[in-house]
Protein backbone atom coordinates (compact mmCIF):
# COMPACT_ATOMS: atom_id res chain seq x y z
CA MET A 1 84.75 13.95 249.21
CA LYS A 2 87.09 16.97 249.29
CA LYS A 3 85.92 17.79 252.95
CA PHE A 4 86.59 14.35 254.22
CA TYR A 5 90.44 14.46 253.16
CA LEU A 6 90.75 18.05 254.55
CA THR A 7 89.45 16.54 257.84
CA LEU A 8 92.01 14.00 257.35
CA ALA A 9 94.60 16.10 257.02
CA ALA A 10 93.66 18.77 259.67
CA VAL A 11 93.44 15.70 262.05
CA ALA A 12 96.91 14.36 261.20
CA ALA A 13 98.61 17.36 261.20
CA LEU A 14 97.04 18.31 264.85
CA THR A 15 98.31 14.95 266.33
CA PHE A 16 101.87 15.20 264.53
CA ALA A 17 101.88 18.49 265.82
CA SER A 18 101.29 17.22 269.35
CA GLN A 19 103.67 14.69 269.36
CA ALA A 20 106.38 17.13 268.29
CA GLN A 21 105.96 19.46 271.77
CA THR A 22 107.71 16.62 274.50
CA GLU A 23 110.65 14.96 272.31
CA LYS A 24 113.61 15.21 273.78
CA GLY A 25 115.69 18.31 273.19
CA LYS A 26 112.60 20.53 273.48
CA PHE A 27 112.43 23.31 275.92
CA ILE A 28 108.80 24.35 278.16
CA VAL A 29 109.05 27.77 279.34
CA GLY A 30 106.01 29.05 281.52
CA GLY A 31 105.23 30.21 285.38
CA GLY A 32 103.16 30.91 287.66
CA LEU A 33 101.41 34.51 288.73
CA GLY A 34 99.08 35.16 291.96
CA PHE A 35 97.69 38.35 294.09
CA ASP A 36 95.59 38.16 296.38
CA THR A 37 93.69 41.20 298.84
CA GLU A 38 91.16 40.45 301.81
CA SER A 39 89.76 43.15 304.00
CA ILE A 40 87.36 42.99 306.90
CA LYS A 41 84.52 45.39 306.50
CA ASP A 42 84.14 47.89 309.25
CA THR A 43 87.97 47.95 310.63
CA ASP A 44 90.96 48.52 309.15
CA ASN A 45 92.48 44.82 309.05
CA LYS A 46 93.00 43.78 305.51
CA SER A 47 96.03 41.93 303.73
CA THR A 48 97.43 41.42 300.42
CA SER A 49 99.65 38.73 299.07
CA PHE A 50 101.52 38.75 295.41
CA ASN A 51 103.72 35.85 293.91
CA ILE A 52 105.53 35.32 290.56
CA MET A 53 107.26 32.24 289.20
CA PRO A 54 108.48 32.15 286.13
CA SER A 55 109.76 28.36 285.34
CA ALA A 56 112.01 26.41 282.04
CA GLY A 57 112.85 23.24 281.36
CA TYR A 58 114.31 20.84 279.07
CA PHE A 59 113.25 17.67 277.81
CA VAL A 60 116.15 15.00 278.61
CA ALA A 61 114.40 12.18 276.85
CA ASP A 62 111.10 11.92 275.36
CA ASN A 63 107.82 13.12 277.33
CA ILE A 64 110.27 13.57 280.57
CA ALA A 65 111.27 16.93 281.64
CA VAL A 66 113.51 18.83 284.21
CA GLY A 67 113.85 22.37 284.95
CA LEU A 68 113.65 24.87 287.40
CA GLY A 69 110.98 27.86 288.37
CA LEU A 70 112.80 30.95 290.17
CA GLY A 71 110.17 33.55 291.91
CA TYR A 72 109.75 35.69 294.63
CA GLN A 73 106.56 36.07 297.07
CA TRP A 74 105.37 38.92 299.46
CA SER A 75 102.85 39.85 301.90
CA LYS A 76 101.53 42.48 303.93
CA THR A 77 99.14 42.56 307.13
CA GLU A 78 97.52 45.74 308.18
CA GLU A 79 96.07 45.62 311.42
CA GLY A 80 95.52 49.40 312.72
CA VAL A 81 98.90 51.23 312.99
CA ASN A 82 100.55 47.92 312.97
CA GLU A 83 101.76 46.24 309.23
CA SER A 84 103.50 42.85 308.85
CA THR A 85 105.46 42.00 305.72
CA THR A 86 106.98 39.23 304.29
CA GLY A 87 109.41 38.57 301.59
CA LEU A 88 110.84 35.42 300.20
CA PHE A 89 112.84 34.43 297.45
CA SER A 90 111.80 31.08 296.18
CA VAL A 91 113.45 28.21 294.07
CA ALA A 92 111.31 25.39 292.80
CA PRO A 93 113.30 22.40 291.09
CA PHE A 94 110.94 20.27 289.37
CA GLY A 95 110.58 16.94 287.08
CA ARG A 96 107.65 16.13 284.71
CA TRP A 97 106.54 13.26 282.92
CA TYR A 98 104.15 13.53 280.08
CA SER A 99 101.39 10.67 279.02
CA ALA A 100 101.33 8.93 275.04
CA ASN A 101 100.96 11.17 272.39
CA GLY A 102 98.00 13.36 271.57
CA PRO A 103 96.41 16.52 271.70
CA VAL A 104 95.83 15.78 275.36
CA ARG A 105 97.82 13.93 277.72
CA PHE A 106 98.30 13.77 281.50
CA PHE A 107 100.73 14.30 283.11
CA GLY A 108 102.83 14.10 286.82
CA GLN A 109 104.96 16.82 288.03
CA LEU A 110 107.32 15.96 290.81
CA SER A 111 108.85 18.94 292.43
CA ALA A 112 110.76 20.61 295.58
CA PRO A 113 110.00 24.37 296.24
CA MET A 114 112.10 26.21 299.05
CA GLY A 115 112.60 29.77 300.31
CA TRP A 116 114.53 32.46 302.01
CA GLY A 117 113.39 35.66 303.35
CA ASN A 118 112.36 37.56 306.08
CA MET A 119 109.72 39.19 308.22
CA LYS A 120 109.45 42.84 309.05
CA GLU A 121 107.03 44.86 311.54
CA ASN A 122 106.25 48.21 310.84
CA GLY A 123 109.32 48.60 308.57
CA ASP A 124 112.27 47.12 310.94
CA LYS A 125 113.32 43.59 309.96
CA VAL A 126 112.16 41.01 313.00
CA GLY A 127 113.37 37.85 312.01
CA ASN A 128 113.80 35.21 308.82
CA VAL A 129 111.89 32.99 306.95
CA SER A 130 112.64 29.75 305.33
CA SER A 131 110.71 27.05 303.81
CA TYR A 132 111.37 23.45 302.28
CA GLY A 133 108.72 21.43 300.83
CA VAL A 134 108.27 18.61 298.00
CA GLU A 135 105.05 17.98 295.96
CA LEU A 136 103.93 15.39 293.20
CA ALA A 137 101.06 17.01 291.15
CA PRO A 138 98.73 15.60 288.41
CA GLY A 139 97.14 17.59 285.74
CA ILE A 140 95.70 17.43 281.84
CA ALA A 141 97.41 19.43 279.17
CA TYR A 142 95.50 20.51 275.71
CA PHE A 143 98.07 21.24 272.88
CA PRO A 144 95.82 23.37 270.50
CA THR A 145 99.42 24.33 268.79
CA SER A 146 102.98 22.58 268.27
CA LYS A 147 103.92 25.38 270.75
CA ILE A 148 101.29 26.32 273.31
CA GLY A 149 99.75 23.94 275.84
CA LEU A 150 96.96 24.51 278.45
CA GLU A 151 97.06 23.30 281.85
CA PHE A 152 95.06 22.54 284.63
CA LYS A 153 96.66 20.93 287.41
CA VAL A 154 95.85 20.26 291.23
CA ARG A 155 98.28 20.33 293.79
CA GLY A 156 98.03 16.64 294.77
CA LEU A 157 100.28 15.19 297.32
CA TYR A 158 102.18 17.85 299.48
CA TYR A 159 104.75 18.29 302.71
CA ASN A 160 105.62 21.25 303.81
CA SER A 161 108.04 22.68 306.20
CA ASN A 162 108.00 26.43 307.29
CA ASN A 163 110.54 27.87 309.53
CA ILE A 164 110.67 30.99 311.51
CA GLU A 165 113.14 32.67 313.58
CA PRO A 166 112.62 35.56 315.21
CA THR A 167 115.67 38.21 315.93
CA GLY A 168 116.52 36.78 319.81
CA GLU A 169 113.69 34.12 320.56
CA ALA A 170 113.65 30.35 319.46
CA LYS A 171 112.82 29.04 315.97
CA THR A 172 109.09 27.94 315.31
CA THR A 173 108.55 25.51 312.63
CA VAL A 174 105.08 24.45 310.63
CA ASN A 175 104.92 21.04 309.05
CA THR A 176 102.23 21.11 306.42
CA PHE A 177 101.27 17.84 304.84
CA GLY A 178 97.77 16.97 302.79
CA LEU A 179 96.36 15.53 299.28
CA ASN A 180 94.42 18.10 297.99
CA ALA A 181 92.66 16.66 295.08
CA ASN A 182 90.31 19.34 294.53
CA SER A 183 88.92 19.35 290.70
CA LEU A 184 86.93 22.54 291.49
CA ALA A 185 89.62 24.36 292.35
CA PRO A 186 92.49 23.62 289.69
CA THR A 187 95.68 25.52 289.11
CA VAL A 188 95.37 27.02 284.95
CA GLY A 189 98.57 27.80 282.80
CA VAL A 190 100.00 28.54 280.00
CA GLN A 191 103.30 26.71 278.84
CA PHE A 192 105.27 27.20 276.12
CA TYR A 193 107.30 24.50 274.19
CA PHE A 194 110.27 25.22 271.43
């Protein structure tokens, strides 16, 4: 009987702790970090990219948070003796809604990622780059403690407009629209709740 009451107390504590994370007035802190490298065998061709996007949000109501991510993206492509790099400063305001209370919750996040930077070839600036988009991403969060949430998120529905303005040439715009709900390749993250 003693084990039953201890188990019941543990379940109640976990349920209470999970309810306290997304209350009005609380904060959420997290972000993303990525690194990719690729090389083609028997050639001098390779590419490398890096990105970092810390984010913070505030719960304006129970289960509803708004926030902002600030970050940097960098990529380099080498083809023999030619080298091109792109650097982009990023801003991503977001809004997030969580489902009802419990240690496992579904959420939806609407964000508007934007970025501005430049392109260089062999160290010389050759143009400007800008990017504007909107993304609606579903996910699931598991709260093992009252301060930590483990998340699995897919990209979802998205639109992005990339603008490339080479020096002295006409601007090129590439628009991308899609639905990416690949559950086999989710974004995995950790968020901290205060």
